[in-house]
N, C-alpha and C. Protein backbone atom coordinates (compact mmCIF):
# COMPACT_ATOMS: atom_id res chain seq x y z
N MET A 1 10.56 -0.47 26.00
CA MET A 1 9.57 0.55 25.71
C MET A 1 10.20 1.58 24.77
N ASN A 2 9.49 1.92 23.72
CA ASN A 2 9.97 2.86 22.73
C ASN A 2 9.19 4.17 22.90
N VAL A 3 9.84 5.18 23.44
CA VAL A 3 9.19 6.46 23.71
C VAL A 3 9.63 7.47 22.66
N ARG A 4 8.67 8.18 22.10
CA ARG A 4 8.96 9.20 21.08
C ARG A 4 8.12 10.44 21.32
N ASN A 5 8.49 11.50 20.60
CA ASN A 5 7.69 12.72 20.61
C ASN A 5 6.78 12.73 19.41
N CYS A 6 5.54 13.13 19.61
CA CYS A 6 4.56 13.25 18.53
C CYS A 6 5.05 14.31 17.55
N VAL A 7 5.02 14.01 16.25
CA VAL A 7 5.49 14.96 15.25
C VAL A 7 4.52 16.13 15.09
N ASN A 8 3.30 15.95 15.56
CA ASN A 8 2.29 16.99 15.41
C ASN A 8 2.28 17.95 16.60
N CYS A 9 2.16 17.41 17.82
CA CYS A 9 2.01 18.27 18.99
C CYS A 9 3.23 18.28 19.90
N GLY A 10 4.15 17.33 19.72
CA GLY A 10 5.37 17.30 20.52
C GLY A 10 5.27 16.52 21.83
N ARG A 11 4.10 15.99 22.16
CA ARG A 11 3.94 15.22 23.40
C ARG A 11 4.75 13.94 23.34
N ILE A 12 5.20 13.48 24.50
CA ILE A 12 5.90 12.19 24.60
C ILE A 12 4.84 11.10 24.72
N PHE A 13 5.06 10.00 23.97
CA PHE A 13 4.13 8.88 24.03
C PHE A 13 4.86 7.59 23.75
N ASN A 14 4.22 6.47 24.08
CA ASN A 14 4.79 5.15 23.84
C ASN A 14 4.51 4.79 22.39
N TYR A 15 5.57 4.70 21.59
CA TYR A 15 5.45 4.44 20.16
C TYR A 15 5.34 2.94 19.92
N LEU A 16 4.28 2.53 19.22
CA LEU A 16 4.06 1.12 18.92
C LEU A 16 4.31 0.79 17.46
N GLY A 17 4.30 1.76 16.59
CA GLY A 17 4.53 1.55 15.16
C GLY A 17 3.62 2.44 14.34
N GLY A 18 3.87 2.49 13.05
CA GLY A 18 3.06 3.32 12.16
C GLY A 18 3.52 4.76 12.18
N THR A 19 2.56 5.67 12.02
CA THR A 19 2.89 7.09 12.03
C THR A 19 3.30 7.52 13.43
N ILE A 20 4.17 8.48 13.50
CA ILE A 20 4.69 8.93 14.80
C ILE A 20 3.77 10.02 15.34
N LEU A 21 2.56 9.61 15.72
CA LEU A 21 1.56 10.50 16.28
C LEU A 21 1.04 9.93 17.59
N CYS A 22 0.79 10.81 18.56
CA CYS A 22 0.19 10.36 19.81
C CYS A 22 -1.27 9.98 19.54
N GLN A 23 -1.89 9.32 20.51
CA GLN A 23 -3.26 8.83 20.32
C GLN A 23 -4.24 9.97 20.04
N ALA A 24 -4.08 11.11 20.73
CA ALA A 24 -4.98 12.25 20.53
C ALA A 24 -4.87 12.79 19.10
N CYS A 25 -3.64 12.90 18.60
CA CYS A 25 -3.44 13.41 17.23
C CYS A 25 -3.92 12.40 16.20
N LYS A 26 -3.77 11.09 16.47
CA LYS A 26 -4.29 10.06 15.56
C LYS A 26 -5.80 10.18 15.45
N GLU A 27 -6.47 10.41 16.57
CA GLU A 27 -7.92 10.55 16.55
C GLU A 27 -8.35 11.79 15.77
N LYS A 28 -7.62 12.91 15.95
CA LYS A 28 -7.91 14.12 15.19
C LYS A 28 -7.71 13.88 13.69
N MET A 29 -6.63 13.18 13.34
CA MET A 29 -6.33 12.90 11.94
C MET A 29 -7.41 12.00 11.34
N GLU A 30 -7.87 11.02 12.11
CA GLU A 30 -8.92 10.13 11.62
C GLU A 30 -10.23 10.89 11.41
N SER A 31 -10.55 11.83 12.29
CA SER A 31 -11.77 12.63 12.09
C SER A 31 -11.64 13.53 10.86
N LYS A 32 -10.43 14.06 10.61
CA LYS A 32 -10.19 14.86 9.40
C LYS A 32 -10.33 13.98 8.16
N PHE A 33 -9.84 12.75 8.24
CA PHE A 33 -9.95 11.82 7.13
C PHE A 33 -11.42 11.57 6.79
N GLN A 34 -12.23 11.32 7.81
CA GLN A 34 -13.66 11.09 7.59
C GLN A 34 -14.33 12.32 6.99
N GLU A 35 -13.92 13.51 7.44
CA GLU A 35 -14.47 14.76 6.90
C GLU A 35 -14.11 14.91 5.42
N VAL A 36 -12.86 14.64 5.06
CA VAL A 36 -12.41 14.73 3.67
C VAL A 36 -13.15 13.71 2.82
N LYS A 37 -13.27 12.50 3.32
CA LYS A 37 -13.95 11.42 2.59
C LYS A 37 -15.40 11.80 2.29
N GLU A 38 -16.11 12.33 3.28
CA GLU A 38 -17.51 12.75 3.08
C GLU A 38 -17.60 13.92 2.11
N PHE A 39 -16.68 14.88 2.22
CA PHE A 39 -16.71 16.04 1.34
C PHE A 39 -16.50 15.63 -0.11
N ILE A 40 -15.56 14.71 -0.34
CA ILE A 40 -15.30 14.24 -1.71
C ILE A 40 -16.49 13.45 -2.23
N ARG A 41 -17.12 12.67 -1.37
CA ARG A 41 -18.28 11.89 -1.78
C ARG A 41 -19.45 12.80 -2.17
N GLU A 42 -19.65 13.87 -1.41
CA GLU A 42 -20.77 14.79 -1.67
C GLU A 42 -20.48 15.74 -2.83
N ASN A 43 -19.21 16.00 -3.11
CA ASN A 43 -18.80 16.93 -4.18
C ASN A 43 -17.82 16.24 -5.12
N PRO A 44 -18.31 15.39 -6.02
CA PRO A 44 -17.41 14.55 -6.83
C PRO A 44 -16.48 15.32 -7.77
N GLY A 45 -16.81 16.50 -8.23
CA GLY A 45 -15.96 17.22 -9.19
C GLY A 45 -15.00 18.20 -8.54
N VAL A 46 -14.84 18.15 -7.23
CA VAL A 46 -14.04 19.13 -6.50
C VAL A 46 -12.54 18.86 -6.71
N SER A 47 -11.73 19.93 -6.69
CA SER A 47 -10.28 19.78 -6.85
C SER A 47 -9.62 19.53 -5.50
N MET A 48 -8.38 19.08 -5.54
CA MET A 48 -7.66 18.81 -4.30
C MET A 48 -7.44 20.09 -3.50
N GLN A 49 -7.20 21.20 -4.17
CA GLN A 49 -6.99 22.47 -3.49
C GLN A 49 -8.26 22.90 -2.75
N GLU A 50 -9.43 22.71 -3.38
CA GLU A 50 -10.69 23.06 -2.72
C GLU A 50 -10.93 22.18 -1.50
N VAL A 51 -10.66 20.91 -1.61
CA VAL A 51 -10.82 20.00 -0.47
C VAL A 51 -9.89 20.44 0.66
N SER A 52 -8.66 20.78 0.32
CA SER A 52 -7.68 21.23 1.30
C SER A 52 -8.16 22.47 2.04
N GLU A 53 -8.69 23.45 1.29
CA GLU A 53 -9.14 24.69 1.91
C GLU A 53 -10.39 24.50 2.75
N VAL A 54 -11.38 23.77 2.26
CA VAL A 54 -12.64 23.59 2.98
C VAL A 54 -12.45 22.74 4.23
N CYS A 55 -11.69 21.67 4.11
CA CYS A 55 -11.52 20.73 5.23
C CYS A 55 -10.33 21.07 6.12
N ASP A 56 -9.54 22.07 5.75
CA ASP A 56 -8.37 22.49 6.50
C ASP A 56 -7.39 21.34 6.71
N VAL A 57 -7.05 20.70 5.59
CA VAL A 57 -6.10 19.58 5.57
C VAL A 57 -5.09 19.88 4.47
N PRO A 58 -3.79 19.70 4.73
CA PRO A 58 -2.80 19.95 3.68
C PRO A 58 -2.97 18.99 2.50
N THR A 59 -2.68 19.48 1.30
CA THR A 59 -2.82 18.64 0.11
C THR A 59 -1.89 17.43 0.18
N SER A 60 -0.76 17.58 0.85
CA SER A 60 0.16 16.45 0.99
C SER A 60 -0.48 15.31 1.78
N GLN A 61 -1.31 15.64 2.77
CA GLN A 61 -1.99 14.62 3.55
C GLN A 61 -3.05 13.91 2.70
N ILE A 62 -3.77 14.68 1.87
CA ILE A 62 -4.77 14.09 0.98
C ILE A 62 -4.08 13.15 -0.01
N GLN A 63 -2.94 13.58 -0.56
CA GLN A 63 -2.18 12.73 -1.48
C GLN A 63 -1.70 11.47 -0.78
N GLN A 64 -1.28 11.58 0.48
CA GLN A 64 -0.83 10.40 1.22
C GLN A 64 -1.98 9.41 1.39
N TRP A 65 -3.18 9.89 1.71
CA TRP A 65 -4.34 9.00 1.86
C TRP A 65 -4.67 8.33 0.53
N LEU A 66 -4.52 9.06 -0.56
CA LEU A 66 -4.76 8.47 -1.87
C LEU A 66 -3.70 7.41 -2.19
N ARG A 67 -2.44 7.69 -1.91
CA ARG A 67 -1.36 6.73 -2.16
C ARG A 67 -1.53 5.48 -1.31
N GLU A 68 -2.00 5.64 -0.07
CA GLU A 68 -2.23 4.50 0.82
C GLU A 68 -3.49 3.73 0.45
N GLU A 69 -4.23 4.23 -0.52
CA GLU A 69 -5.49 3.65 -0.99
C GLU A 69 -6.58 3.67 0.08
N ARG A 70 -6.48 4.62 0.99
CA ARG A 70 -7.56 4.83 1.95
C ARG A 70 -8.67 5.65 1.30
N LEU A 71 -8.28 6.53 0.40
CA LEU A 71 -9.23 7.34 -0.38
C LEU A 71 -9.17 6.91 -1.83
N GLU A 72 -10.30 6.95 -2.49
CA GLU A 72 -10.34 6.71 -3.93
C GLU A 72 -11.35 7.69 -4.51
N VAL A 73 -10.98 8.34 -5.58
CA VAL A 73 -11.86 9.34 -6.19
C VAL A 73 -12.56 8.73 -7.39
N THR A 74 -13.63 9.37 -7.83
CA THR A 74 -14.41 8.86 -8.96
C THR A 74 -13.67 9.13 -10.27
N GLU A 75 -14.15 8.51 -11.32
CA GLU A 75 -13.54 8.64 -12.65
C GLU A 75 -13.51 10.09 -13.15
N ASN A 76 -14.58 10.85 -12.91
CA ASN A 76 -14.68 12.21 -13.44
C ASN A 76 -14.15 13.26 -12.46
N SER A 77 -13.43 12.86 -11.44
CA SER A 77 -12.93 13.78 -10.43
C SER A 77 -11.76 14.59 -10.97
N ALA A 78 -11.60 15.79 -10.42
CA ALA A 78 -10.47 16.64 -10.78
C ALA A 78 -9.23 16.24 -9.99
N ILE A 79 -9.41 15.40 -8.97
CA ILE A 79 -8.30 14.92 -8.16
C ILE A 79 -7.76 13.64 -8.79
N TYR A 80 -6.48 13.60 -9.03
CA TYR A 80 -5.86 12.38 -9.53
C TYR A 80 -4.39 12.38 -9.14
N LEU A 81 -3.80 11.21 -9.19
CA LEU A 81 -2.38 11.02 -8.96
C LEU A 81 -1.77 10.51 -10.25
N ASN A 82 -0.46 10.47 -10.31
CA ASN A 82 0.22 9.89 -11.46
C ASN A 82 0.89 8.60 -11.04
N CYS A 83 0.84 7.61 -11.91
CA CYS A 83 1.52 6.33 -11.69
C CYS A 83 3.01 6.62 -11.52
N GLU A 84 3.62 6.02 -10.51
CA GLU A 84 5.03 6.26 -10.25
C GLU A 84 5.94 5.62 -11.28
N SER A 85 5.39 4.72 -12.09
CA SER A 85 6.20 4.05 -13.10
C SER A 85 6.08 4.72 -14.47
N CYS A 86 4.84 4.88 -14.95
CA CYS A 86 4.66 5.39 -16.32
C CYS A 86 4.06 6.80 -16.38
N GLY A 87 3.56 7.33 -15.27
CA GLY A 87 3.00 8.68 -15.25
C GLY A 87 1.53 8.77 -15.64
N GLU A 88 0.89 7.64 -15.90
CA GLU A 88 -0.53 7.59 -16.25
C GLU A 88 -1.37 8.10 -15.07
N PRO A 89 -2.44 8.88 -15.31
CA PRO A 89 -3.30 9.32 -14.20
C PRO A 89 -4.02 8.13 -13.56
N ILE A 90 -4.01 8.10 -12.22
CA ILE A 90 -4.68 7.04 -11.47
C ILE A 90 -5.53 7.64 -10.37
N ARG A 91 -6.48 6.87 -9.85
CA ARG A 91 -7.40 7.36 -8.83
C ARG A 91 -6.89 7.15 -7.42
N SER A 92 -6.10 6.14 -7.19
CA SER A 92 -5.50 5.90 -5.88
C SER A 92 -4.35 4.92 -6.03
N GLY A 93 -3.54 4.79 -5.00
CA GLY A 93 -2.41 3.88 -5.02
C GLY A 93 -1.15 4.53 -5.58
N LYS A 94 -0.20 3.68 -5.96
CA LYS A 94 1.07 4.18 -6.49
C LYS A 94 1.26 3.85 -7.97
N PHE A 95 0.61 2.77 -8.43
CA PHE A 95 0.82 2.31 -9.79
C PHE A 95 -0.51 2.06 -10.50
N CYS A 96 -0.50 2.22 -11.81
CA CYS A 96 -1.69 1.91 -12.62
C CYS A 96 -1.81 0.39 -12.74
N GLU A 97 -2.94 -0.07 -13.22
CA GLU A 97 -3.19 -1.51 -13.34
C GLU A 97 -2.21 -2.19 -14.29
N LYS A 98 -1.86 -1.51 -15.39
CA LYS A 98 -0.91 -2.07 -16.36
C LYS A 98 0.46 -2.29 -15.73
N CYS A 99 0.93 -1.30 -14.97
CA CYS A 99 2.24 -1.42 -14.33
C CYS A 99 2.22 -2.46 -13.21
N LYS A 100 1.10 -2.56 -12.49
CA LYS A 100 0.97 -3.59 -11.45
C LYS A 100 1.08 -4.98 -12.08
N LEU A 101 0.41 -5.16 -13.20
CA LEU A 101 0.45 -6.44 -13.90
C LEU A 101 1.87 -6.75 -14.39
N ASN A 102 2.54 -5.75 -14.97
CA ASN A 102 3.91 -5.95 -15.44
C ASN A 102 4.85 -6.31 -14.30
N MET A 103 4.69 -5.64 -13.15
CA MET A 103 5.55 -5.94 -12.00
C MET A 103 5.29 -7.34 -11.48
N SER A 104 4.02 -7.72 -11.37
CA SER A 104 3.73 -9.05 -10.84
C SER A 104 4.25 -10.14 -11.80
N MET A 105 4.15 -9.90 -13.10
CA MET A 105 4.70 -10.86 -14.07
C MET A 105 6.23 -10.93 -13.95
N GLY A 106 6.87 -9.79 -13.73
CA GLY A 106 8.32 -9.75 -13.54
C GLY A 106 8.74 -10.51 -12.29
N PHE A 107 7.99 -10.31 -11.20
CA PHE A 107 8.29 -11.04 -9.97
C PHE A 107 8.09 -12.53 -10.16
N GLN A 108 7.05 -12.90 -10.87
CA GLN A 108 6.79 -14.32 -11.12
C GLN A 108 7.90 -14.94 -11.95
N ASN A 109 8.38 -14.20 -12.95
CA ASN A 109 9.49 -14.69 -13.78
C ASN A 109 10.75 -14.89 -12.95
N ILE A 110 11.02 -13.97 -12.02
CA ILE A 110 12.19 -14.10 -11.16
C ILE A 110 12.05 -15.32 -10.26
N LEU A 111 10.86 -15.50 -9.70
CA LEU A 111 10.63 -16.68 -8.85
C LEU A 111 10.79 -17.97 -9.63
N ASP A 112 10.25 -17.98 -10.84
CA ASP A 112 10.37 -19.19 -11.67
C ASP A 112 11.82 -19.47 -12.05
N ALA A 113 12.60 -18.42 -12.31
CA ALA A 113 14.00 -18.59 -12.69
C ALA A 113 14.84 -19.10 -11.52
N ASN A 114 14.50 -18.70 -10.30
CA ASN A 114 15.26 -19.10 -9.12
C ASN A 114 14.78 -20.41 -8.51
N LYS A 115 13.71 -20.96 -9.03
CA LYS A 115 13.18 -22.21 -8.50
C LYS A 115 14.13 -23.34 -8.87
N PRO A 116 14.52 -24.16 -7.88
CA PRO A 116 15.43 -25.26 -8.20
C PRO A 116 14.74 -26.28 -9.12
N LYS A 117 15.48 -26.69 -10.11
CA LYS A 117 14.93 -27.63 -11.07
C LYS A 117 15.39 -29.03 -10.68
N THR A 118 14.49 -29.81 -10.17
CA THR A 118 14.82 -31.18 -9.77
C THR A 118 14.26 -32.13 -10.80
N LYS A 119 15.09 -33.08 -11.15
CA LYS A 119 14.66 -34.09 -12.10
C LYS A 119 14.24 -35.32 -11.33
N LEU A 120 13.10 -35.83 -11.64
CA LEU A 120 12.62 -37.04 -11.01
C LEU A 120 13.24 -38.24 -11.73
N LYS A 121 13.84 -39.11 -10.93
CA LYS A 121 14.43 -40.31 -11.50
C LYS A 121 13.37 -41.41 -11.49
N PRO A 122 13.36 -42.19 -12.53
CA PRO A 122 12.41 -43.29 -12.52
C PRO A 122 12.79 -44.28 -11.44
N LYS A 123 11.77 -44.82 -10.79
CA LYS A 123 12.00 -45.74 -9.70
C LYS A 123 12.52 -47.06 -10.25
N GLY A 124 13.68 -47.45 -9.76
CA GLY A 124 14.31 -48.67 -10.24
C GLY A 124 14.00 -49.84 -9.34
N THR A 125 14.74 -50.89 -9.56
CA THR A 125 14.56 -52.09 -8.74
C THR A 125 15.30 -51.92 -7.43
N ASP A 126 15.04 -52.81 -6.48
CA ASP A 126 15.69 -52.75 -5.18
C ASP A 126 17.19 -53.02 -5.29
N LYS A 127 17.62 -53.75 -6.32
CA LYS A 127 19.03 -54.06 -6.48
C LYS A 127 19.82 -52.80 -6.86
N GLU A 128 19.19 -51.92 -7.62
CA GLU A 128 19.84 -50.67 -8.02
C GLU A 128 19.89 -49.67 -6.87
N ASN A 129 18.89 -49.73 -6.01
CA ASN A 129 18.78 -48.78 -4.92
C ASN A 129 18.59 -49.56 -3.62
N PRO A 130 19.66 -50.18 -3.11
CA PRO A 130 19.50 -51.01 -1.91
C PRO A 130 19.17 -50.14 -0.70
N LYS A 131 18.28 -50.67 0.13
CA LYS A 131 17.88 -49.97 1.35
C LYS A 131 18.04 -50.91 2.51
N MET A 132 18.25 -50.36 3.66
CA MET A 132 18.37 -51.16 4.86
C MET A 132 16.97 -51.60 5.28
N ARG A 133 16.84 -52.85 5.64
CA ARG A 133 15.55 -53.39 6.02
C ARG A 133 15.62 -53.87 7.47
N PHE A 134 14.55 -53.65 8.20
CA PHE A 134 14.47 -54.10 9.59
C PHE A 134 13.37 -55.13 9.72
N LEU A 135 13.60 -56.14 10.57
CA LEU A 135 12.57 -57.15 10.83
C LEU A 135 11.99 -56.95 12.18
């Protein structure tokens, strides 16, 4: 059993994985998430600071939800993140589409380079490749 203290309220709870929050704090955080999501949907041009003040949620938490791709803002929104690779403005996640494509191509090239290259030999006669036979 893995017992930890909740980082929000300090209560002891059985930690199963993910964020180190007790069940009560997870439920509060989820209700705040739904509140932020609805507020952004109803007010598409709102800034992150305004969302933070109205919904009483730290901007760091809003940024975390955007990075986790739980939240996504519209194209004309004042809220945006920067791609961690090239700095391009993005609506959610960590990387822009161009950098995601470049990374996946790089990973594919690495996989292809490490793939063992086996040469197929043409099948010869039984005299060249004797095998044991059972009757």
